[in-house]
Structure formats: structure tokens, C-alpha cells
């Protein structure tokens, strides 16, 4: 389940892939948050990415992040 979270999957798609109910996924993630000392879903996903770094490399936005954000020099030119 953590590897699917690291891939960026939503609870509903995780439930379908694992052939369990949505509620089971929500409850399991809640238990994982407690065990990993994550206070919210964002921290749980962050922990999942740390534990499964290869899985998170498959994210569609991971290779485009640098090309989407303007560089500091480009930002300065935009403000002038």
C-alpha cells in the first residue's frame, strides 16, 4: 500500500488494485500514519517516497519539475 502511495495513487485506485474496500485502505493508511509518526496524509506520502524511492521516480511530474519552474534569472526578468 505504501508503494502505491509513493507512486501517487489515490485511495480509490489503491482499493481497486488491491481488491479491497476504500474503507480498508483509509483505515490501513491511518494505522500506517500512527506507526510512522506521520500527522497527516502528506507526511505519510513523504514517508512512503522515502521508503520506496524507485516507486516515486515513476511519477509523471518528477521529470518535468525543473522544466516547469522558472529559474531565478527568468523570475528576475519577469519582474522588470
N, C-alpha and C. Protein backbone atom coordinates (compact mmCIF):
# COMPACT_ATOMS: atom_id res chain seq x y z
N UNK A 1 0.83 -1.18 0.00
CA UNK A 1 0.00 0.00 0.00
C UNK A 1 0.88 1.26 0.00
N UNK A 2 1.96 1.23 0.76
CA UNK A 2 2.85 2.39 0.79
C UNK A 2 3.50 2.62 -0.57
N UNK A 3 3.85 1.55 -1.26
CA UNK A 3 4.47 1.73 -2.57
C UNK A 3 3.50 2.36 -3.56
N UNK A 4 2.22 2.03 -3.44
CA UNK A 4 1.22 2.65 -4.31
C UNK A 4 1.03 4.13 -3.96
N UNK A 5 1.10 4.45 -2.67
CA UNK A 5 1.05 5.87 -2.28
C UNK A 5 2.26 6.61 -2.83
N UNK A 6 3.43 5.96 -2.79
CA UNK A 6 4.65 6.59 -3.32
C UNK A 6 4.54 6.85 -4.81
N UNK A 7 3.76 6.02 -5.51
CA UNK A 7 3.54 6.21 -6.94
C UNK A 7 2.53 7.32 -7.23
N UNK A 8 1.88 7.82 -6.17
CA UNK A 8 0.91 8.89 -6.35
C UNK A 8 -0.51 8.41 -6.55
N UNK A 9 -0.80 7.17 -6.22
CA UNK A 9 -2.13 6.61 -6.40
C UNK A 9 -3.09 7.13 -5.33
N UNK A 10 -4.32 7.35 -5.71
CA UNK A 10 -5.37 7.78 -4.78
C UNK A 10 -5.90 6.56 -4.03
N UNK A 11 -6.55 6.82 -2.89
CA UNK A 11 -7.12 5.73 -2.09
C UNK A 11 -8.03 4.83 -2.93
N UNK A 12 -8.88 5.42 -3.75
CA UNK A 12 -9.84 4.63 -4.52
C UNK A 12 -9.13 3.72 -5.52
N UNK A 13 -8.08 4.21 -6.17
CA UNK A 13 -7.37 3.34 -7.12
C UNK A 13 -6.56 2.28 -6.41
N UNK A 14 -6.06 2.57 -5.21
CA UNK A 14 -5.36 1.57 -4.41
C UNK A 14 -6.33 0.46 -4.04
N UNK A 15 -7.53 0.83 -3.64
CA UNK A 15 -8.54 -0.16 -3.27
C UNK A 15 -8.86 -1.07 -4.45
N UNK A 16 -9.01 -0.50 -5.63
CA UNK A 16 -9.30 -1.31 -6.81
C UNK A 16 -8.15 -2.25 -7.14
N UNK A 17 -6.92 -1.73 -7.08
CA UNK A 17 -5.76 -2.56 -7.41
C UNK A 17 -5.56 -3.70 -6.42
N UNK A 18 -5.83 -3.45 -5.16
CA UNK A 18 -5.64 -4.47 -4.13
C UNK A 18 -6.89 -5.31 -3.89
N UNK A 19 -7.96 -4.96 -4.58
CA UNK A 19 -9.24 -5.66 -4.45
C UNK A 19 -9.75 -5.68 -3.00
N UNK A 20 -9.69 -4.51 -2.39
CA UNK A 20 -10.23 -4.32 -1.04
C UNK A 20 -11.12 -3.09 -1.08
N UNK A 21 -11.85 -2.85 -0.01
CA UNK A 21 -12.74 -1.69 0.02
C UNK A 21 -11.95 -0.41 0.28
N UNK A 22 -12.57 0.68 -0.12
CA UNK A 22 -12.00 2.01 0.12
C UNK A 22 -11.75 2.21 1.61
N UNK A 23 -12.72 1.81 2.42
CA UNK A 23 -12.62 1.96 3.88
C UNK A 23 -11.41 1.20 4.44
N UNK A 24 -11.11 0.03 3.89
CA UNK A 24 -9.94 -0.74 4.32
C UNK A 24 -8.66 0.05 4.04
N UNK A 25 -8.59 0.68 2.89
CA UNK A 25 -7.41 1.47 2.54
C UNK A 25 -7.28 2.66 3.49
N UNK A 26 -8.38 3.35 3.75
CA UNK A 26 -8.36 4.50 4.66
C UNK A 26 -7.92 4.07 6.06
N UNK A 27 -8.48 2.97 6.56
CA UNK A 27 -8.11 2.50 7.90
C UNK A 27 -6.65 2.06 7.96
N UNK A 28 -6.19 1.36 6.94
CA UNK A 28 -4.80 0.91 6.92
C UNK A 28 -3.84 2.09 6.86
N UNK A 29 -4.17 3.08 6.06
CA UNK A 29 -3.32 4.27 5.98
C UNK A 29 -3.31 5.02 7.30
N UNK A 30 -4.43 5.03 7.99
CA UNK A 30 -4.49 5.65 9.31
C UNK A 30 -3.56 4.93 10.28
N UNK A 31 -3.57 3.60 10.24
CA UNK A 31 -2.67 2.83 11.10
C UNK A 31 -1.21 3.06 10.72
N UNK A 32 -0.93 3.13 9.43
CA UNK A 32 0.43 3.39 8.97
C UNK A 32 0.91 4.78 9.41
N UNK A 33 0.00 5.76 9.36
CA UNK A 33 0.36 7.11 9.83
C UNK A 33 0.79 7.08 11.28
N UNK A 34 0.05 6.34 12.10
CA UNK A 34 0.42 6.24 13.52
C UNK A 34 1.77 5.56 13.69
N UNK A 35 2.00 4.46 12.97
CA UNK A 35 3.25 3.71 13.11
C UNK A 35 4.45 4.49 12.59
N UNK A 36 4.23 5.32 11.58
CA UNK A 36 5.33 6.10 11.00
C UNK A 36 5.41 7.51 11.56
N UNK A 37 4.61 7.80 12.57
CA UNK A 37 4.57 9.12 13.21
C UNK A 37 4.29 10.24 12.21
N UNK A 38 3.42 9.97 11.27
CA UNK A 38 3.01 11.00 10.31
C UNK A 38 1.70 11.60 10.82
N UNK A 39 1.64 12.92 10.85
CA UNK A 39 0.45 13.57 11.40
C UNK A 39 -0.66 13.76 10.37
N UNK A 40 -0.32 13.64 9.08
CA UNK A 40 -1.34 13.82 8.04
C UNK A 40 -0.96 13.01 6.81
N UNK A 41 -1.81 13.05 5.80
CA UNK A 41 -1.59 12.28 4.59
C UNK A 41 -0.32 12.72 3.86
N UNK A 42 -0.05 14.00 3.84
CA UNK A 42 1.15 14.50 3.16
C UNK A 42 2.41 13.90 3.78
N UNK A 43 2.47 13.83 5.10
CA UNK A 43 3.63 13.25 5.76
C UNK A 43 3.71 11.74 5.51
N UNK A 44 2.57 11.07 5.41
CA UNK A 44 2.57 9.65 5.10
C UNK A 44 3.11 9.41 3.69
N UNK A 45 2.69 10.23 2.74
CA UNK A 45 3.19 10.10 1.37
C UNK A 45 4.68 10.38 1.33
N UNK A 46 5.12 11.38 2.08
CA UNK A 46 6.55 11.71 2.16
C UNK A 46 7.34 10.51 2.70
N UNK A 47 6.82 9.86 3.73
CA UNK A 47 7.46 8.67 4.29
C UNK A 47 7.47 7.54 3.27
N UNK A 48 6.39 7.38 2.53
CA UNK A 48 6.31 6.33 1.51
C UNK A 48 7.35 6.56 0.41
N UNK A 49 7.52 7.81 0.01
CA UNK A 49 8.52 8.12 -1.02
C UNK A 49 9.93 7.86 -0.49
N UNK A 50 10.16 8.16 0.79
CA UNK A 50 11.48 7.86 1.39
C UNK A 50 11.72 6.36 1.43
N UNK A 51 10.69 5.58 1.76
CA UNK A 51 10.84 4.13 1.86
C UNK A 51 10.88 3.43 0.51
N UNK A 52 10.24 4.01 -0.49
CA UNK A 52 10.18 3.41 -1.83
C UNK A 52 10.61 4.44 -2.88
N UNK A 53 11.88 4.85 -2.87
CA UNK A 53 12.32 5.91 -3.80
C UNK A 53 12.19 5.51 -5.27
N UNK A 54 12.40 4.25 -5.60
CA UNK A 54 12.28 3.82 -7.00
C UNK A 54 10.85 3.97 -7.50
N UNK A 55 9.89 3.73 -6.62
CA UNK A 55 8.48 3.86 -7.00
C UNK A 55 8.13 5.30 -7.32
N UNK A 56 8.68 6.23 -6.56
CA UNK A 56 8.33 7.64 -6.77
C UNK A 56 8.98 8.21 -8.02
N UNK A 57 10.00 7.54 -8.56
CA UNK A 57 10.63 8.00 -9.80
C UNK A 57 9.68 7.91 -10.98
N UNK A 58 8.64 7.09 -10.85
CA UNK A 58 7.69 6.89 -11.94
C UNK A 58 6.62 7.98 -11.99
N UNK A 59 6.64 8.92 -11.07
CA UNK A 59 5.61 9.96 -11.05
C UNK A 59 5.69 10.80 -12.31
N UNK A 60 4.56 11.15 -12.90
CA UNK A 60 4.58 11.88 -14.16
C UNK A 60 5.18 13.27 -14.04
N UNK A 61 5.14 13.88 -12.87
CA UNK A 61 5.65 15.23 -12.73
C UNK A 61 7.09 15.25 -12.24
N UNK A 62 7.69 14.11 -11.84
CA UNK A 62 9.02 14.12 -11.26
C UNK A 62 10.09 14.54 -12.26
N UNK A 63 9.95 14.18 -13.55
CA UNK A 63 10.96 14.55 -14.52
C UNK A 63 10.72 15.93 -15.13
N UNK A 64 9.52 16.47 -14.95
CA UNK A 64 9.20 17.77 -15.53
C UNK A 64 9.32 18.91 -14.52
N UNK A 65 9.58 18.61 -13.28
CA UNK A 65 9.54 19.64 -12.24
C UNK A 65 10.51 20.78 -12.54
N UNK A 66 11.72 20.47 -12.97
CA UNK A 66 12.68 21.53 -13.21
C UNK A 66 12.32 22.35 -14.45
N UNK A 67 11.69 21.73 -15.44
CA UNK A 67 11.35 22.47 -16.65
C UNK A 67 10.10 23.33 -16.45
N UNK A 68 9.28 23.03 -15.45
CA UNK A 68 8.07 23.79 -15.21
C UNK A 68 8.36 25.05 -14.43
N UNK A 69 9.25 24.94 -13.45
CA UNK A 69 9.56 26.09 -12.61
C UNK A 69 10.54 27.02 -13.32
N UNK A 70 10.25 28.32 -13.36
CA UNK A 70 11.21 29.24 -13.96
C UNK A 70 12.45 29.38 -13.08
N UNK A 71 13.59 29.52 -13.72
CA UNK A 71 14.83 29.69 -12.98
C UNK A 71 14.85 31.09 -12.36
N UNK A 72 15.75 31.27 -11.40
CA UNK A 72 15.82 32.54 -10.68
C UNK A 72 16.06 33.70 -11.65
N UNK A 73 16.93 33.51 -12.63
CA UNK A 73 17.22 34.58 -13.60
C UNK A 73 15.97 34.91 -14.41
N UNK A 74 15.21 33.90 -14.78
CA UNK A 74 13.98 34.15 -15.54
C UNK A 74 12.96 34.88 -14.68
N UNK A 75 12.90 34.57 -13.39
CA UNK A 75 11.98 35.27 -12.49
C UNK A 75 12.33 36.74 -12.42
N UNK A 76 13.64 37.04 -12.33
CA UNK A 76 14.06 38.45 -12.23
C UNK A 76 13.69 39.21 -13.50
N UNK A 77 13.82 38.57 -14.66
CA UNK A 77 13.48 39.23 -15.92
C UNK A 77 11.98 39.46 -16.03
N UNK A 78 11.19 38.58 -15.44
CA UNK A 78 9.74 38.73 -15.50
C UNK A 78 9.26 39.90 -14.63
N UNK A 79 9.99 40.21 -13.57
CA UNK A 79 9.55 41.26 -12.66
C UNK A 79 9.99 42.63 -13.12
N UNK A 80 10.86 42.71 -14.09
CA UNK A 80 11.36 44.03 -14.55
C UNK A 80 10.44 44.66 -15.54
